[in-house]
Protein backbone atom coordinates (compact mmCIF):
# COMPACT_ATOMS: atom_id res chain seq x y z
CA MET A 1 55.75 15.38 -32.84
CA ALA A 2 56.02 11.60 -33.24
CA VAL A 3 53.34 9.61 -31.44
CA LYS A 4 52.91 5.93 -30.61
CA ILE A 5 49.99 3.78 -29.58
CA ARG A 6 51.28 1.87 -26.57
CA LEU A 7 50.43 0.39 -23.17
CA ALA A 8 50.48 2.36 -19.90
CA ARG A 9 50.69 0.08 -16.85
CA HIS A 10 48.31 0.55 -13.96
CA GLY A 11 47.22 -1.76 -11.16
CA SER A 12 49.13 -2.94 -8.14
CA LYS A 13 52.20 -5.10 -7.75
CA LYS A 14 51.81 -8.44 -9.58
CA ARG A 15 48.26 -7.41 -10.68
CA PRO A 16 48.85 -5.56 -13.95
CA PHE A 17 46.15 -3.65 -15.78
CA TYR A 18 46.97 -1.65 -18.88
CA ARG A 19 45.47 1.33 -20.66
CA ILE A 20 45.97 1.58 -24.40
CA VAL A 21 47.06 5.17 -24.98
CA VAL A 22 48.40 7.51 -27.62
CA ALA A 23 51.52 9.22 -26.28
CA ASP A 24 54.47 11.24 -27.47
CA VAL A 25 57.50 9.03 -28.12
CA GLU A 26 59.54 10.87 -25.50
CA SER A 27 57.01 10.71 -22.63
CA PRO A 28 57.53 8.05 -19.92
CA ARG A 29 55.61 4.76 -19.98
CA ASP A 30 53.10 5.75 -17.30
CA GLY A 31 53.39 9.48 -17.85
CA LYS A 32 51.40 12.04 -19.76
CA TYR A 33 49.45 10.81 -22.78
CA LEU A 34 47.28 12.43 -25.44
CA GLU A 35 44.27 10.12 -25.34
CA ALA A 36 43.18 6.80 -23.84
CA LEU A 37 41.98 4.39 -26.53
CA GLY A 38 41.02 1.35 -24.49
CA THR A 39 42.05 -1.14 -21.84
CA TYR A 40 43.82 -4.50 -21.68
CA ASN A 41 43.48 -6.89 -18.74
CA PRO A 42 45.82 -9.91 -19.12
CA LEU A 43 44.68 -11.51 -15.84
CA LYS A 44 41.20 -12.46 -17.10
CA ASP A 45 40.73 -15.79 -18.87
CA PRO A 46 40.35 -15.13 -21.79
CA VAL A 47 42.14 -11.79 -21.74
CA GLU A 48 39.86 -8.76 -21.71
CA VAL A 49 40.44 -6.08 -24.35
CA SER A 50 38.22 -3.07 -24.93
CA LEU A 51 38.98 -0.63 -27.74
CA LYS A 52 37.67 2.62 -29.16
CA GLU A 53 37.89 1.48 -32.78
CA GLU A 54 37.07 4.82 -34.43
CA ARG A 55 39.72 6.68 -32.42
CA ILE A 56 42.34 4.01 -33.13
CA LYS A 57 41.67 4.33 -36.86
CA TYR A 58 41.84 8.12 -36.57
CA TRP A 59 45.22 8.09 -34.81
CA MET A 60 46.68 5.53 -37.22
CA ASN A 61 45.58 7.71 -40.14
CA GLU A 62 47.30 10.65 -38.42
CA GLY A 63 50.56 8.68 -38.36
CA ALA A 64 50.62 7.09 -34.90
CA ILE A 65 52.75 3.96 -34.84
CA PRO A 66 51.53 1.01 -32.74
CA THR A 67 54.07 -0.92 -30.66
CA ASN A 68 54.53 -4.65 -31.30
CA THR A 69 52.24 -5.61 -28.42
CA ILE A 70 49.49 -3.26 -29.57
CA LYS A 71 49.92 -4.50 -33.12
CA SER A 72 49.29 -8.09 -32.00
CA LEU A 73 46.24 -7.04 -29.94
CA LEU A 74 44.81 -5.13 -32.91
CA LYS A 75 45.39 -8.11 -35.21
CA LYS A 76 43.45 -10.36 -32.83
CA GLU A 77 40.59 -7.83 -32.77
CA GLY A 78 40.70 -7.51 -36.58
CA LEU A 79 41.70 -3.82 -36.70
CA PHE A 80 45.21 -4.15 -38.08
CA ALA A 81 45.69 -5.60 -41.54
CA ASN A 82 49.05 -7.07 -42.44
CA PRO A 83 50.55 -5.22 -45.41
CA ALA A 84 51.30 -8.06 -47.82
């Protein structure tokens, strides 16, 4: 089973709020997920990101692939090192 770390959209129309989740590649964007790893609120200034760092490291060691957006959020938080 291939898994990804990605965003699941919540919140109302034009007021997005995202959960950072680990989900099967084939599940829908806002559908069933394996575990919630944090939240992302783009409406706050500066943006508000909360992460469960230990669980993110665990899932990445298990082979979960972060999406591009999650990769950039993790880089800003210092959890994702660029392979040089």
